[in-house]
Amino acid sequence: MKPSSMHLKILLPFRVFAEHEDVSRIVAETSQGSFGILPNRLDCAAALAPGILTYETASADEVYLAIDQGVLVKIGSEVLVSVRNAIGGIELDRLREAVEHEFLELDEHEKNVRSVMAKLESGFVRRFMEYHRG
């Protein structure tokens, strides 16, 4: 018997953000574009880009969540979405702004932090080597 709905669980690093039964449709964004998942879709995995995750349940209209980058895995009727951060409960246009301002700016901040850390690490290694030789 083919499943007529999916069980969606959205995971953050520190907690379960949302869990819904009777999900009839999911639309997610990857770096190659948006794709949809229906209950009878074959099992799959996808790397998610920061964007809007949309799902529809039997008890509600479409639900929109702003999500940071992460991974989506569908196995049978189970769909797990693991992301670094998610925002829900606000209007769709404000969600798009949240993606652009919070998630994409955070990525830029993290790149800057990584660059500074790499410089500090290389300086530490260089000084350690000089100390070791002397």
C-alpha atoms as a PDB file:
ATOM      1  CA  MET A   1       0.000   0.000   0.000  1.00  0.00           C
ATOM      2  CA  LYS A   2       1.372   3.424  -0.975  1.00  0.00           C
ATOM      3  CA  PRO A   3       1.587   6.052   1.752  1.00  0.00           C
ATOM      4  CA  SER A   4      -0.842   8.951   1.455  1.00  0.00           C
ATOM      5  CA  SER A   5       1.016  11.252   3.841  1.00  0.00           C
ATOM      6  CA  MET A   6       4.454  11.831   5.341  1.00  0.00           C
ATOM      7  CA  HIS A   7       5.844  12.377   8.814  1.00  0.00           C
ATOM      8  CA  LEU A   8       8.047  15.500   8.836  1.00  0.00           C
ATOM      9  CA  LYS A   9      10.578  16.213  11.566  1.00  0.00           C
ATOM     10  CA  ILE A  10      12.696  19.383  11.470  1.00  0.00           C
ATOM     11  CA  LEU A  11      15.813  19.166  13.616  1.00  0.00           C
ATOM     12  CA  LEU A  12      18.091  21.920  14.871  1.00  0.00           C
ATOM     13  CA  PRO A  13      21.480  21.181  16.469  1.00  0.00           C
ATOM     14  CA  PHE A  14      20.029  21.643  19.959  1.00  0.00           C
ATOM     15  CA  ARG A  15      16.357  20.628  19.681  1.00  0.00           C
ATOM     16  CA  VAL A  16      13.459  19.424  17.542  1.00  0.00           C
ATOM     17  CA  PHE A  17      12.068  22.558  15.888  1.00  0.00           C
ATOM     18  CA  ALA A  18       8.864  21.009  14.519  1.00  0.00           C
ATOM     19  CA  GLU A  19       7.238  17.641  13.986  1.00  0.00           C
ATOM     20  CA  HIS A  20       4.111  17.054  11.896  1.00  0.00           C
ATOM     21  CA  GLU A  21       2.071  14.042  10.856  1.00  0.00           C
ATOM     22  CA  ASP A  22      -0.134  13.921   7.757  1.00  0.00           C
ATOM     23  CA  VAL A  23       2.128  16.089   5.583  1.00  0.00           C
ATOM     24  CA  SER A  24       0.922  15.859   2.006  1.00  0.00           C
ATOM     25  CA  ARG A  25       3.561  17.970   0.234  1.00  0.00           C
ATOM     26  CA  ILE A  26       6.999  19.504   0.905  1.00  0.00           C
ATOM     27  CA  VAL A  27       8.910  22.026  -1.192  1.00  0.00           C
ATOM     28  CA  ALA A  28      12.556  22.729  -0.360  1.00  0.00           C
ATOM     29  CA  GLU A  29      15.393  24.727  -1.904  1.00  0.00           C
ATOM     30  CA  THR A  30      18.807  23.438  -2.933  1.00  0.00           C
ATOM     31  CA  SER A  31      21.642  25.235  -4.668  1.00  0.00           C
ATOM     32  CA  GLN A  32      20.223  23.891  -7.974  1.00  0.00           C
ATOM     33  CA  GLY A  33      16.700  25.206  -7.295  1.00  0.00           C
ATOM     34  CA  SER A  34      13.472  24.147  -5.623  1.00  0.00           C
ATOM     35  CA  PHE A  35      12.098  20.625  -5.630  1.00  0.00           C
ATOM     36  CA  GLY A  36       8.943  19.034  -4.310  1.00  0.00           C
ATOM     37  CA  ILE A  37       8.327  15.867  -2.355  1.00  0.00           C
ATOM     38  CA  LEU A  38       5.077  13.925  -2.378  1.00  0.00           C
ATOM     39  CA  PRO A  39       4.358  10.843  -0.240  1.00  0.00           C
ATOM     40  CA  ASN A  40       5.022   8.372  -3.072  1.00  0.00           C
ATOM     41  CA  ARG A  41       8.363   9.864  -4.123  1.00  0.00           C
ATOM     42  CA  LEU A  42      11.326   7.528  -4.051  1.00  0.00           C
ATOM     43  CA  ASP A  43      13.708   7.810  -1.121  1.00  0.00           C
ATOM     44  CA  CYS A  44      16.174  10.644  -1.520  1.00  0.00           C
ATOM     45  CA  ALA A  45      18.626  12.963   0.197  1.00  0.00           C
ATOM     46  CA  ALA A  46      19.389  16.588  -0.651  1.00  0.00           C
ATOM     47  CA  ALA A  47      21.685  19.333   0.595  1.00  0.00           C
ATOM     48  CA  LEU A  48      19.492  22.318   1.420  1.00  0.00           C
ATOM     49  CA  ALA A  49      20.431  25.923   0.770  1.00  0.00           C
ATOM     50  CA  PRO A  50      19.246  28.794   2.965  1.00  0.00           C
ATOM     51  CA  GLY A  51      15.700  29.552   1.851  1.00  0.00           C
ATOM     52  CA  ILE A  52      12.029  28.838   2.425  1.00  0.00           C
ATOM     53  CA  LEU A  53      10.782  25.344   3.275  1.00  0.00           C
ATOM     54  CA  THR A  54       7.091  24.892   2.503  1.00  0.00           C
ATOM     55  CA  TYR A  55       4.890  22.036   3.629  1.00  0.00           C
ATOM     56  CA  GLU A  56       1.193  21.305   3.627  1.00  0.00           C
ATOM     57  CA  THR A  57      -0.688  19.223   6.198  1.00  0.00           C
ATOM     58  CA  ALA A  58      -4.218  17.867   6.289  1.00  0.00           C
ATOM     59  CA  SER A  59      -5.119  20.213   9.165  1.00  0.00           C
ATOM     60  CA  ALA A  60      -3.504  23.417   7.871  1.00  0.00           C
ATOM     61  CA  ASP A  61      -2.851  25.411   4.763  1.00  0.00           C
ATOM     62  CA  GLU A  62       0.687  25.841   3.560  1.00  0.00           C
ATOM     63  CA  VAL A  63       3.255  26.434   6.292  1.00  0.00           C
ATOM     64  CA  TYR A  64       6.390  28.435   5.499  1.00  0.00           C
ATOM     65  CA  LEU A  65       9.664  28.230   7.411  1.00  0.00           C
ATOM     66  CA  ALA A  66      12.893  30.107   6.819  1.00  0.00           C
ATOM     67  CA  ILE A  67      15.706  27.602   7.101  1.00  0.00           C
ATOM     68  CA  ASP A  68      19.465  27.803   7.068  1.00  0.00           C
ATOM     69  CA  GLN A  69      21.569  25.320   5.148  1.00  0.00           C
ATOM     70  CA  GLY A  70      21.181  21.683   6.042  1.00  0.00           C
ATOM     71  CA  VAL A  71      20.142  18.245   4.820  1.00  0.00           C
ATOM     72  CA  LEU A  72      16.806  16.660   3.893  1.00  0.00           C
ATOM     73  CA  VAL A  73      16.431  12.863   3.923  1.00  0.00           C
ATOM     74  CA  LYS A  74      13.284  10.988   2.849  1.00  0.00           C
ATOM     75  CA  ILE A  75      12.977   7.299   3.713  1.00  0.00           C
ATOM     76  CA  GLY A  76       9.571   5.795   3.086  1.00  0.00           C
ATOM     77  CA  SER A  77       7.023   8.102   4.675  1.00  0.00           C
ATOM     78  CA  GLU A  78       9.596   9.669   7.050  1.00  0.00           C
ATOM     79  CA  VAL A  79      11.172  13.001   6.109  1.00  0.00           C
ATOM     80  CA  LEU A  80      13.957  14.385   8.307  1.00  0.00           C
ATOM     81  CA  VAL A  81      15.216  17.907   7.795  1.00  0.00           C
ATOM     82  CA  SER A  82      18.319  18.850   9.766  1.00  0.00           C
ATOM     83  CA  VAL A  83      19.295  22.527   9.590  1.00  0.00           C
ATOM     84  CA  ARG A  84      21.472  24.929  11.567  1.00  0.00           C
ATOM     85  CA  ASN A  85      18.644  27.384  12.210  1.00  0.00           C
ATOM     86  CA  ALA A  86      14.959  27.866  11.399  1.00  0.00           C
ATOM     87  CA  ILE A  87      12.384  30.632  11.795  1.00  0.00           C
ATOM     88  CA  GLY A  88       8.637  30.196  11.581  1.00  0.00           C
ATOM     89  CA  GLY A  89       5.435  31.911  12.573  1.00  0.00           C
ATOM     90  CA  ILE A  90       5.863  35.101  10.566  1.00  0.00           C
ATOM     91  CA  GLU A  91       4.578  36.259   7.180  1.00  0.00           C
ATOM     92  CA  LEU A  92       6.146  34.925   3.991  1.00  0.00           C
ATOM     93  CA  ASP A  93       7.692  38.235   2.867  1.00  0.00           C
ATOM     94  CA  ARG A  94       9.309  38.687   6.279  1.00  0.00           C
ATOM     95  CA  LEU A  95      10.636  35.116   6.124  1.00  0.00           C
ATOM     96  CA  ARG A  96      12.440  35.887   2.856  1.00  0.00           C
ATOM     97  CA  GLU A  97      13.998  38.948   4.525  1.00  0.00           C
ATOM     98  CA  ALA A  98      15.029  36.787   7.491  1.00  0.00           C
ATOM     99  CA  VAL A  99      16.800  34.367   5.153  1.00  0.00           C
ATOM    100  CA  GLU A 100      18.636  37.178   3.409  1.00  0.00           C
ATOM    101  CA  HIS A 101      19.595  39.116   6.543  1.00  0.00           C
ATOM    102  CA  GLU A 102      20.116  36.522   9.243  1.00  0.00           C
ATOM    103  CA  PHE A 103      21.275  33.358   7.511  1.00  0.00           C
ATOM    104  CA  LEU A 104      23.281  34.789   4.621  1.00  0.00           C
ATOM    105  CA  GLU A 105      24.905  37.487   6.775  1.00  0.00           C
ATOM    106  CA  LEU A 106      25.704  34.842   9.382  1.00  0.00           C
ATOM    107  CA  ASP A 107      27.471  32.826   6.688  1.00  0.00           C
ATOM    108  CA  GLU A 108      29.573  35.884   5.804  1.00  0.00           C
ATOM    109  CA  HIS A 109      30.375  36.434   9.487  1.00  0.00           C
ATOM    110  CA  GLU A 110      31.391  32.783   9.853  1.00  0.00           C
ATOM    111  CA  LYS A 111      33.654  33.063   6.796  1.00  0.00           C
ATOM    112  CA  ASN A 112      35.332  36.101   8.335  1.00  0.00           C
ATOM    113  CA  VAL A 113      35.774  34.297  11.671  1.00  0.00           C
ATOM    114  CA  ARG A 114      37.257  31.265   9.907  1.00  0.00           C
ATOM    115  CA  SER A 115      39.674  33.521   8.017  1.00  0.00           C
ATOM    116  CA  VAL A 116      40.824  35.207  11.224  1.00  0.00           C
ATOM    117  CA  MET A 117      41.183  31.839  12.961  1.00  0.00           C
ATOM    118  CA  ALA A 118      43.270  30.481  10.070  1.00  0.00           C
ATOM    119  CA  LYS A 119      45.587  33.501  10.326  1.00  0.00           C
ATOM    120  CA  LEU A 120      45.903  33.046  14.085  1.00  0.00           C
ATOM    121  CA  GLU A 121      46.619  29.337  13.690  1.00  0.00           C
ATOM    122  CA  SER A 122      49.269  29.890  11.011  1.00  0.00           C
ATOM    123  CA  GLY A 123      50.900  32.599  13.137  1.00  0.00           C
ATOM    124  CA  PHE A 124      50.903  30.262  16.134  1.00  0.00           C
ATOM    125  CA  VAL A 125      52.453  27.430  14.123  1.00  0.00           C
ATOM    126  CA  ARG A 126      55.107  29.777  12.659  1.00  0.00           C
ATOM    127  CA  ARG A 127      56.063  31.114  16.108  1.00  0.00           C
ATOM    128  CA  PHE A 128      56.051  27.621  17.589  1.00  0.00           C
ATOM    129  CA  MET A 129      58.430  26.445  14.841  1.00  0.00           C
ATOM    130  CA  GLU A 130      60.702  29.458  15.466  1.00  0.00           C
ATOM    131  CA  TYR A 131      60.679  28.721  19.198  1.00  0.00           C
ATOM    132  CA  HIS A 132      61.367  25.054  18.577  1.00  0.00           C
ATOM    133  CA  ARG A 133      64.378  25.853  16.340  1.00  0.00           C
ATOM    134  CA  GLY A 134      65.805  28.403  18.804  1.00  0.00           C
END
